[in-house]
Amino acid sequence: MGLFSESVDVDCTDLGQPRTVHWKGHPCTVINEPVRWYERRQWWIEESRAPLGSGAGLVDHEIWRVQLEPQQEQTPATQAITLDLVRHVGSGRWRLLRIHAAAPAHAVEPDEAA
């Protein structure tokens, strides 16, 4: 797993969940239910103080973990990749935060493993 700060384009559902991620010039489809949480950021390094009532975007990052597959001709060797994305609350822009180890996109049947 590595930490990044790379801009990505994200298309969302009507509920605001990531549906398609355009990464490295290629569209990728979110293949599992994305997971959202918030992480505290070190806002005091960049800001002199946090105005009362500010939280999301200044104090906390909105992070989404998504599992993706490229939108292209799928082959059995294609593997899904898991990314953590950050959405900037004020601008709506998305950034790649973490890349996790790739996982197989399909389950291996016991007789396939032999």
N, C-alpha and C. Protein backbone atom coordinates (compact mmCIF):
# COMPACT_ATOMS: atom_id res chain seq x y z
N MET A 1 0.85 -1.18 0.00
CA MET A 1 0.00 0.00 0.00
C MET A 1 0.89 1.23 0.00
N GLY A 2 0.51 2.23 -0.78
CA GLY A 2 1.26 3.47 -0.81
C GLY A 2 0.34 4.66 -0.65
N LEU A 3 0.91 5.79 -0.21
CA LEU A 3 0.14 7.03 -0.07
C LEU A 3 0.41 7.91 -1.28
N PHE A 4 -0.65 8.53 -1.80
CA PHE A 4 -0.56 9.35 -2.99
C PHE A 4 -1.34 10.64 -2.79
N SER A 5 -1.20 11.53 -3.73
CA SER A 5 -2.05 12.72 -3.79
C SER A 5 -2.17 13.07 -5.27
N GLU A 6 -2.91 12.23 -5.98
CA GLU A 6 -3.07 12.36 -7.43
C GLU A 6 -4.53 12.66 -7.74
N SER A 7 -4.77 13.63 -8.59
CA SER A 7 -6.14 13.99 -8.96
C SER A 7 -6.75 12.89 -9.82
N VAL A 8 -8.02 12.55 -9.54
CA VAL A 8 -8.78 11.59 -10.35
C VAL A 8 -10.17 12.18 -10.60
N ASP A 9 -10.78 11.75 -11.70
CA ASP A 9 -12.15 12.15 -12.00
C ASP A 9 -13.07 11.02 -11.57
N VAL A 10 -14.16 11.37 -10.90
CA VAL A 10 -15.09 10.37 -10.38
C VAL A 10 -16.51 10.75 -10.80
N ASP A 11 -17.21 9.79 -11.39
CA ASP A 11 -18.64 9.95 -11.67
C ASP A 11 -19.39 9.26 -10.54
N CYS A 12 -20.42 9.93 -10.02
CA CYS A 12 -21.14 9.41 -8.86
C CYS A 12 -22.59 9.07 -9.20
N THR A 13 -23.18 8.24 -8.36
CA THR A 13 -24.61 7.94 -8.46
C THR A 13 -25.38 9.15 -7.95
N ASP A 14 -26.69 9.09 -8.05
CA ASP A 14 -27.53 10.18 -7.53
C ASP A 14 -27.39 10.33 -6.03
N LEU A 15 -26.95 9.26 -5.34
CA LEU A 15 -26.76 9.31 -3.89
C LEU A 15 -25.35 9.79 -3.50
N GLY A 16 -24.51 10.08 -4.50
CA GLY A 16 -23.17 10.59 -4.23
C GLY A 16 -22.11 9.54 -4.07
N GLN A 17 -22.43 8.28 -4.36
CA GLN A 17 -21.44 7.21 -4.26
C GLN A 17 -20.65 7.10 -5.57
N PRO A 18 -19.34 6.87 -5.48
CA PRO A 18 -18.55 6.68 -6.70
C PRO A 18 -19.09 5.51 -7.53
N ARG A 19 -19.20 5.75 -8.86
CA ARG A 19 -19.67 4.71 -9.79
C ARG A 19 -18.58 4.38 -10.80
N THR A 20 -17.90 5.43 -11.30
CA THR A 20 -16.83 5.27 -12.28
C THR A 20 -15.67 6.17 -11.86
N VAL A 21 -14.46 5.62 -11.93
CA VAL A 21 -13.26 6.39 -11.61
C VAL A 21 -12.39 6.43 -12.86
N HIS A 22 -12.00 7.63 -13.28
CA HIS A 22 -11.11 7.80 -14.42
C HIS A 22 -9.70 7.99 -13.86
N TRP A 23 -8.89 6.94 -13.99
CA TRP A 23 -7.57 6.92 -13.37
C TRP A 23 -6.55 6.54 -14.44
N LYS A 24 -5.49 7.30 -14.53
CA LYS A 24 -4.43 7.08 -15.51
C LYS A 24 -4.98 7.06 -16.93
N GLY A 25 -5.99 7.91 -17.17
CA GLY A 25 -6.55 8.02 -18.51
C GLY A 25 -7.53 6.93 -18.90
N HIS A 26 -7.88 6.05 -17.97
CA HIS A 26 -8.78 4.94 -18.28
C HIS A 26 -9.98 4.95 -17.34
N PRO A 27 -11.19 4.74 -17.87
CA PRO A 27 -12.35 4.61 -16.98
C PRO A 27 -12.38 3.24 -16.33
N CYS A 28 -12.67 3.21 -15.04
CA CYS A 28 -12.79 1.97 -14.28
C CYS A 28 -14.14 1.96 -13.57
N THR A 29 -14.76 0.81 -13.53
CA THR A 29 -16.07 0.66 -12.91
C THR A 29 -15.91 0.19 -11.47
N VAL A 30 -16.68 0.79 -10.56
CA VAL A 30 -16.73 0.34 -9.17
C VAL A 30 -17.53 -0.96 -9.17
N ILE A 31 -16.91 -2.06 -8.72
CA ILE A 31 -17.54 -3.38 -8.84
C ILE A 31 -18.16 -3.89 -7.54
N ASN A 32 -17.88 -3.25 -6.43
CA ASN A 32 -18.49 -3.61 -5.15
C ASN A 32 -19.01 -2.35 -4.47
N GLU A 33 -19.84 -2.53 -3.47
CA GLU A 33 -20.38 -1.39 -2.74
C GLU A 33 -19.23 -0.58 -2.13
N PRO A 34 -19.10 0.72 -2.48
CA PRO A 34 -18.04 1.52 -1.89
C PRO A 34 -18.30 1.78 -0.40
N VAL A 35 -17.23 1.99 0.34
CA VAL A 35 -17.33 2.23 1.79
C VAL A 35 -16.83 3.63 2.07
N ARG A 36 -17.60 4.39 2.89
CA ARG A 36 -17.23 5.77 3.22
C ARG A 36 -16.95 5.90 4.70
N TRP A 37 -15.94 6.69 5.03
CA TRP A 37 -15.67 7.06 6.42
C TRP A 37 -14.95 8.41 6.42
N TYR A 38 -14.69 8.92 7.60
CA TYR A 38 -14.01 10.20 7.75
C TYR A 38 -12.75 10.00 8.58
N GLU A 39 -11.68 10.68 8.20
CA GLU A 39 -10.42 10.65 8.95
C GLU A 39 -10.05 12.07 9.33
N ARG A 40 -9.51 12.21 10.53
CA ARG A 40 -9.03 13.52 10.99
C ARG A 40 -7.75 13.87 10.24
N ARG A 41 -7.64 15.09 9.79
CA ARG A 41 -6.42 15.53 9.14
C ARG A 41 -5.70 16.54 10.03
N GLN A 42 -4.44 16.76 9.79
CA GLN A 42 -3.65 17.68 10.62
C GLN A 42 -3.88 19.12 10.13
N TRP A 43 -5.10 19.60 10.34
CA TRP A 43 -5.50 20.91 9.85
C TRP A 43 -4.69 22.04 10.48
N TRP A 44 -4.22 21.85 11.70
CA TRP A 44 -3.51 22.91 12.43
C TRP A 44 -2.16 23.24 11.80
N ILE A 45 -1.65 22.35 10.94
CA ILE A 45 -0.39 22.63 10.25
C ILE A 45 -0.63 23.66 9.14
N GLU A 46 -1.80 23.60 8.50
CA GLU A 46 -2.10 24.48 7.37
C GLU A 46 -2.96 25.69 7.74
N GLU A 47 -3.70 25.60 8.82
CA GLU A 47 -4.63 26.66 9.22
C GLU A 47 -4.25 27.18 10.60
N SER A 48 -4.48 28.47 10.84
CA SER A 48 -4.17 29.03 12.16
C SER A 48 -5.21 28.63 13.20
N ARG A 49 -6.47 28.46 12.76
CA ARG A 49 -7.51 28.00 13.66
C ARG A 49 -8.67 27.46 12.83
N ALA A 50 -9.49 26.64 13.47
CA ALA A 50 -10.67 26.09 12.82
C ALA A 50 -11.88 26.89 13.24
N PRO A 51 -12.56 27.54 12.31
CA PRO A 51 -13.75 28.31 12.68
C PRO A 51 -14.81 27.41 13.30
N LEU A 52 -15.54 27.94 14.26
CA LEU A 52 -16.61 27.20 14.92
C LEU A 52 -17.60 26.66 13.90
N GLY A 53 -17.94 25.39 14.03
CA GLY A 53 -18.90 24.76 13.13
C GLY A 53 -18.28 24.14 11.90
N SER A 54 -16.98 24.37 11.68
CA SER A 54 -16.35 23.74 10.52
C SER A 54 -15.86 22.36 10.92
N GLY A 55 -16.09 21.41 10.10
CA GLY A 55 -15.67 20.05 10.40
C GLY A 55 -15.31 19.35 9.11
N ALA A 56 -16.34 18.92 8.38
CA ALA A 56 -16.09 18.22 7.12
C ALA A 56 -15.34 19.14 6.17
N GLY A 57 -14.22 18.65 5.68
CA GLY A 57 -13.42 19.43 4.74
C GLY A 57 -12.26 20.15 5.38
N LEU A 58 -12.43 20.64 6.59
CA LEU A 58 -11.32 21.31 7.27
C LEU A 58 -10.69 20.37 8.30
N VAL A 59 -11.50 19.86 9.17
CA VAL A 59 -11.00 18.99 10.23
C VAL A 59 -10.95 17.53 9.77
N ASP A 60 -11.95 17.11 9.02
CA ASP A 60 -12.06 15.72 8.60
C ASP A 60 -12.05 15.60 7.08
N HIS A 61 -11.44 14.51 6.60
CA HIS A 61 -11.48 14.14 5.19
C HIS A 61 -12.60 13.13 4.98
N GLU A 62 -13.36 13.26 3.90
CA GLU A 62 -14.31 12.23 3.49
C GLU A 62 -13.55 11.26 2.59
N ILE A 63 -13.49 10.00 3.00
CA ILE A 63 -12.72 9.00 2.26
C ILE A 63 -13.65 7.89 1.80
N TRP A 64 -13.45 7.45 0.58
CA TRP A 64 -14.20 6.34 0.00
C TRP A 64 -13.23 5.25 -0.41
N ARG A 65 -13.49 4.02 -0.01
CA ARG A 65 -12.73 2.87 -0.48
C ARG A 65 -13.54 2.21 -1.59
N VAL A 66 -12.92 2.08 -2.76
CA VAL A 66 -13.60 1.52 -3.92
C VAL A 66 -12.77 0.38 -4.50
N GLN A 67 -13.46 -0.63 -5.02
CA GLN A 67 -12.79 -1.71 -5.74
C GLN A 67 -13.17 -1.54 -7.21
N LEU A 68 -12.16 -1.51 -8.07
CA LEU A 68 -12.35 -1.16 -9.48
C LEU A 68 -11.88 -2.25 -10.43
N GLU A 69 -12.52 -2.25 -11.61
CA GLU A 69 -12.06 -3.03 -12.76
C GLU A 69 -12.07 -2.09 -13.95
N PRO A 70 -11.07 -2.21 -14.84
CA PRO A 70 -11.06 -1.37 -16.05
C PRO A 70 -12.28 -1.66 -16.92
N GLN A 71 -12.80 -0.62 -17.59
CA GLN A 71 -13.91 -0.78 -18.53
C GLN A 71 -13.34 -1.12 -19.89
N GLN A 72 -12.99 -2.36 -20.08
CA GLN A 72 -12.46 -2.82 -21.36
C GLN A 72 -12.77 -4.30 -21.49
N GLU A 73 -12.31 -4.89 -22.56
CA GLU A 73 -12.52 -6.33 -22.77
C GLU A 73 -11.94 -7.06 -21.56
N GLN A 74 -12.81 -7.74 -20.80
CA GLN A 74 -12.37 -8.43 -19.59
C GLN A 74 -11.81 -9.81 -19.93
N THR A 75 -10.68 -10.13 -19.35
CA THR A 75 -10.08 -11.45 -19.51
C THR A 75 -9.98 -12.07 -18.13
N PRO A 76 -9.87 -13.40 -18.05
CA PRO A 76 -9.76 -14.04 -16.73
C PRO A 76 -8.57 -13.54 -15.92
N ALA A 77 -7.54 -12.98 -16.58
CA ALA A 77 -6.35 -12.51 -15.85
C ALA A 77 -6.57 -11.13 -15.22
N THR A 78 -7.65 -10.44 -15.60
CA THR A 78 -7.90 -9.10 -15.06
C THR A 78 -8.13 -9.17 -13.56
N GLN A 79 -7.45 -8.30 -12.84
CA GLN A 79 -7.62 -8.26 -11.39
C GLN A 79 -8.21 -6.92 -10.98
N ALA A 80 -9.02 -6.98 -9.95
CA ALA A 80 -9.57 -5.75 -9.38
C ALA A 80 -8.48 -5.07 -8.56
N ILE A 81 -8.62 -3.76 -8.42
CA ILE A 81 -7.70 -3.01 -7.57
C ILE A 81 -8.54 -2.17 -6.60
N THR A 82 -8.01 -2.01 -5.40
CA THR A 82 -8.73 -1.26 -4.36
C THR A 82 -8.00 0.05 -4.11
N LEU A 83 -8.77 1.15 -4.17
CA LEU A 83 -8.22 2.48 -3.94
C LEU A 83 -8.98 3.18 -2.83
N ASP A 84 -8.30 4.06 -2.12
CA ASP A 84 -8.95 4.99 -1.20
C ASP A 84 -8.91 6.36 -1.87
N LEU A 85 -10.08 6.98 -1.98
CA LEU A 85 -10.22 8.28 -2.61
C LEU A 85 -10.70 9.30 -1.59
N VAL A 86 -10.25 10.54 -1.73
CA VAL A 86 -10.67 11.64 -0.86
C VAL A 86 -11.46 12.62 -1.71
N ARG A 87 -12.64 13.03 -1.20
CA ARG A 87 -13.43 14.06 -1.89
C ARG A 87 -13.33 15.35 -1.09
N HIS A 88 -12.90 16.43 -1.77
CA HIS A 88 -12.83 17.74 -1.13
C HIS A 88 -14.24 18.30 -1.08
N VAL A 89 -14.73 18.55 0.12
CA VAL A 89 -16.12 18.96 0.33
C VAL A 89 -16.44 20.27 -0.38
N GLY A 90 -15.57 21.25 -0.30
CA GLY A 90 -15.86 22.56 -0.88
C GLY A 90 -15.89 22.56 -2.40
N SER A 91 -14.92 21.92 -3.04
CA SER A 91 -14.81 21.96 -4.50
C SER A 91 -15.43 20.76 -5.19
N GLY A 92 -15.60 19.65 -4.46
CA GLY A 92 -16.10 18.43 -5.07
C GLY A 92 -15.04 17.66 -5.83
N ARG A 93 -13.78 18.11 -5.77
CA ARG A 93 -12.69 17.42 -6.47
C ARG A 93 -12.29 16.16 -5.71
N TRP A 94 -11.77 15.20 -6.45
CA TRP A 94 -11.35 13.91 -5.90
C TRP A 94 -9.85 13.74 -6.06
N ARG A 95 -9.24 13.07 -5.07
CA ARG A 95 -7.81 12.75 -5.11
C ARG A 95 -7.62 11.30 -4.69
N LEU A 96 -6.65 10.66 -5.31
CA LEU A 96 -6.25 9.31 -4.93
C LEU A 96 -5.39 9.43 -3.69
N LEU A 97 -5.75 8.68 -2.64
CA LEU A 97 -5.01 8.73 -1.39
C LEU A 97 -4.14 7.49 -1.19
N ARG A 98 -4.73 6.30 -1.38
CA ARG A 98 -4.01 5.04 -1.15
C ARG A 98 -4.33 4.03 -2.24
N ILE A 99 -3.33 3.20 -2.56
CA ILE A 99 -3.54 2.05 -3.43
C ILE A 99 -3.27 0.82 -2.59
N HIS A 100 -4.24 -0.09 -2.58
CA HIS A 100 -4.09 -1.34 -1.83
C HIS A 100 -3.71 -2.46 -2.78
N ALA A 101 -3.23 -3.55 -2.24
CA ALA A 101 -2.85 -4.70 -3.06
C ALA A 101 -4.04 -5.16 -3.88
N ALA A 102 -3.77 -5.57 -5.10
CA ALA A 102 -4.83 -6.05 -5.99
C ALA A 102 -5.38 -7.37 -5.49
N ALA A 103 -6.65 -7.58 -5.73
CA ALA A 103 -7.31 -8.83 -5.35
C ALA A 103 -7.91 -9.44 -6.60
N PRO A 104 -8.04 -10.76 -6.66
CA PRO A 104 -8.65 -11.38 -7.83
C PRO A 104 -10.06 -10.85 -8.04
N ALA A 105 -10.41 -10.61 -9.30
CA ALA A 105 -11.73 -10.08 -9.62
C ALA A 105 -12.81 -11.15 -9.56
N HIS A 106 -12.41 -12.42 -9.60
CA HIS A 106 -13.39 -13.50 -9.50
C HIS A 106 -12.83 -14.58 -8.59
N ALA A 107 -13.72 -15.30 -7.97
CA ALA A 107 -13.31 -16.37 -7.06
C ALA A 107 -12.74 -17.54 -7.87
N VAL A 108 -11.70 -18.15 -7.35
CA VAL A 108 -11.10 -19.31 -8.01
C VAL A 108 -11.83 -20.55 -7.51
N GLU A 109 -12.34 -21.32 -8.46
CA GLU A 109 -13.00 -22.57 -8.12
C GLU A 109 -11.97 -23.60 -7.71
N PRO A 110 -12.29 -24.53 -6.80
CA PRO A 110 -11.31 -25.52 -6.32
C PRO A 110 -10.66 -26.30 -7.46
N ASP A 111 -11.42 -26.67 -8.51
CA ASP A 111 -10.82 -27.45 -9.61
C ASP A 111 -9.98 -26.56 -10.53
N GLU A 112 -10.13 -25.22 -10.48
CA GLU A 112 -9.28 -24.32 -11.25
C GLU A 112 -7.90 -24.17 -10.63
N ALA A 113 -7.82 -24.34 -9.31
CA ALA A 113 -6.57 -24.14 -8.60
C ALA A 113 -5.59 -25.28 -8.85
N ALA A 114 -6.04 -26.43 -9.30
CA ALA A 114 -5.16 -27.59 -9.51
C ALA A 114 -4.33 -27.47 -10.75
